[in-house]
C-alpha atoms as a PDB file:
ATOM      1  CA  MET A   1     -15.223   0.528 -20.928  1.00  0.00           C
ATOM      2  CA  LYS A   2     -14.143  -1.777 -23.728  1.00  0.00           C
ATOM      3  CA  ALA A   3     -12.204   1.030 -25.391  1.00  0.00           C
ATOM      4  CA  GLU A   4     -10.268   1.863 -22.217  1.00  0.00           C
ATOM      5  CA  SER A   5      -6.758   0.537 -21.811  1.00  0.00           C
ATOM      6  CA  VAL A   6      -6.436  -0.871 -18.315  1.00  0.00           C
ATOM      7  CA  GLU A   7      -3.185  -2.668 -19.030  1.00  0.00           C
ATOM      8  CA  PHE A   8      -1.244   0.181 -17.445  1.00  0.00           C
ATOM      9  CA  PHE A   9      -2.849  -0.500 -14.066  1.00  0.00           C
ATOM     10  CA  ILE A  10      -1.640  -4.097 -14.020  1.00  0.00           C
ATOM     11  CA  ASN A  11       1.767  -3.186 -15.393  1.00  0.00           C
ATOM     12  CA  ASP A  12       4.864  -3.741 -13.242  1.00  0.00           C
ATOM     13  CA  THR A  13       5.903  -0.110 -13.572  1.00  0.00           C
ATOM     14  CA  TYR A  14       2.573   1.021 -12.153  1.00  0.00           C
ATOM     15  CA  LEU A  15       3.029  -1.257  -9.138  1.00  0.00           C
ATOM     16  CA  LEU A  16       6.478   0.184  -8.525  1.00  0.00           C
ATOM     17  CA  ILE A  17       5.120   3.738  -8.680  1.00  0.00           C
ATOM     18  CA  PHE A  18       1.915   3.050  -6.748  1.00  0.00           C
ATOM     19  CA  ALA A  19       3.454   1.184  -3.772  1.00  0.00           C
ATOM     20  CA  PRO A  20       5.263   4.118  -2.075  1.00  0.00           C
ATOM     21  CA  LEU A  21       2.348   6.437  -2.818  1.00  0.00           C
ATOM     22  CA  MET A  22      -0.023   4.130  -0.953  1.00  0.00           C
ATOM     23  CA  PHE A  23       2.456   3.893   1.919  1.00  0.00           C
ATOM     24  CA  MET A  24       2.713   7.687   2.200  1.00  0.00           C
ATOM     25  CA  LEU A  25      -1.051   8.047   1.929  1.00  0.00           C
ATOM     26  CA  GLY A  26      -1.608   5.539   4.727  1.00  0.00           C
ATOM     27  CA  LEU A  27       0.864   7.219   7.040  1.00  0.00           C
ATOM     28  CA  SER A  28      -0.297  10.728   6.210  1.00  0.00           C
ATOM     29  CA  LEU A  29      -3.864   9.764   7.103  1.00  0.00           C
ATOM     30  CA  ILE A  30      -2.862   8.784  10.603  1.00  0.00           C
ATOM     31  CA  LEU A  31      -0.342  11.569  11.133  1.00  0.00           C
ATOM     32  CA  SER A  32      -2.771  14.246   9.975  1.00  0.00           C
ATOM     33  CA  PHE A  33      -4.778  14.149  13.200  1.00  0.00           C
ATOM     34  CA  ALA A  34      -3.978  17.130  15.400  1.00  0.00           C
ATOM     35  CA  LYS A  35      -5.062  15.477  18.626  1.00  0.00           C
ATOM     36  CA  VAL A  36      -2.940  12.654  19.965  1.00  0.00           C
ATOM     37  CA  GLU A  37      -5.982  11.133  21.673  1.00  0.00           C
ATOM     38  CA  ILE A  38      -7.412  10.160  18.296  1.00  0.00           C
ATOM     39  CA  VAL A  39      -4.225   8.348  17.319  1.00  0.00           C
ATOM     40  CA  ARG A  40      -4.122   6.507  20.633  1.00  0.00           C
ATOM     41  CA  ALA A  41      -7.799   5.496  20.486  1.00  0.00           C
ATOM     42  CA  GLU A  42      -8.282   1.769  20.777  1.00  0.00           C
ATOM     43  CA  MET A  43     -10.295   0.253  17.979  1.00  0.00           C
ATOM     44  CA  PHE A  44     -10.676  -3.424  18.865  1.00  0.00           C
ATOM     45  CA  TRP A  45      -8.631  -6.084  20.663  1.00  0.00           C
ATOM     46  CA  ASN A  46      -6.418  -3.357  22.206  1.00  0.00           C
ATOM     47  CA  VAL A  47      -5.227  -2.225  18.771  1.00  0.00           C
ATOM     48  CA  THR A  48      -4.817   1.517  18.474  1.00  0.00           C
ATOM     49  CA  LEU A  49      -5.797   3.503  15.413  1.00  0.00           C
ATOM     50  CA  TYR A  50      -2.117   4.232  14.731  1.00  0.00           C
ATOM     51  CA  GLU A  51      -1.186   0.537  14.782  1.00  0.00           C
ATOM     52  CA  LEU A  52      -4.095  -0.303  12.509  1.00  0.00           C
ATOM     53  CA  PHE A  53      -3.219   2.320   9.879  1.00  0.00           C
ATOM     54  CA  VAL A  54       0.513   1.592   9.961  1.00  0.00           C
ATOM     55  CA  ASN A  55       0.015  -2.156   9.668  1.00  0.00           C
ATOM     56  CA  LEU A  56      -2.444  -1.775   6.792  1.00  0.00           C
ATOM     57  CA  ALA A  57      -0.147   0.674   4.984  1.00  0.00           C
ATOM     58  CA  CYS A  58       2.830  -1.661   5.407  1.00  0.00           C
ATOM     59  CA  LEU A  59       0.787  -4.670   4.308  1.00  0.00           C
ATOM     60  CA  VAL A  60      -0.263  -2.955   1.084  1.00  0.00           C
ATOM     61  CA  TYR A  61       3.209  -1.511   0.462  1.00  0.00           C
ATOM     62  CA  TYR A  62       5.142  -4.738   0.935  1.00  0.00           C
ATOM     63  CA  SER A  63       2.529  -6.796  -0.901  1.00  0.00           C
ATOM     64  CA  LEU A  64       2.808  -4.575  -3.980  1.00  0.00           C
ATOM     65  CA  ILE A  65       6.609  -4.648  -3.830  1.00  0.00           C
ATOM     66  CA  ASN A  66       6.597  -8.451  -3.502  1.00  0.00           C
ATOM     67  CA  ILE A  67       4.223  -8.779  -6.461  1.00  0.00           C
ATOM     68  CA  TYR A  68       6.558  -6.573  -8.498  1.00  0.00           C
ATOM     69  CA  ILE A  69       9.613  -8.644  -7.545  1.00  0.00           C
ATOM     70  CA  TYR A  70       7.801 -11.898  -8.311  1.00  0.00           C
ATOM     71  CA  ARG A  71       6.677 -10.672 -11.730  1.00  0.00           C
ATOM     72  CA  GLU A  72      10.144  -9.390 -12.617  1.00  0.00           C
ATOM     73  CA  LYS A  73      11.623 -12.727 -11.589  1.00  0.00           C
ATOM     74  CA  ILE A  74       9.149 -14.521 -13.863  1.00  0.00           C
ATOM     75  CA  HIS A  75       9.937 -12.157 -16.756  1.00  0.00           C
ATOM     76  CA  LEU A  76      13.678 -12.749 -16.341  1.00  0.00           C
ATOM     77  CA  LYS A  77      13.237 -16.540 -16.327  1.00  0.00           C
ATOM     78  CA  HIS A  78      11.116 -16.614 -19.446  1.00  0.00           C
ATOM     79  CA  GLY A  79      13.137 -14.122 -21.372  1.00  0.00           C
END
């Protein structure tokens, strides 16, 4: 593990590439069900499976984009 270069995975470019892929993966997981009853199934506190997957996918997507924007802003300030 010491010889591996993990700097790419914390790089800003990786975040910019990875964010939409995670969003599409999250939405494709929920839209891949053939039966609508599965999508409409309530998980807990009257939250459906669709709402849960979409909210989690959006949370990850926008969090990664915000981290990217924050890091780019820091890089521009410090040269």
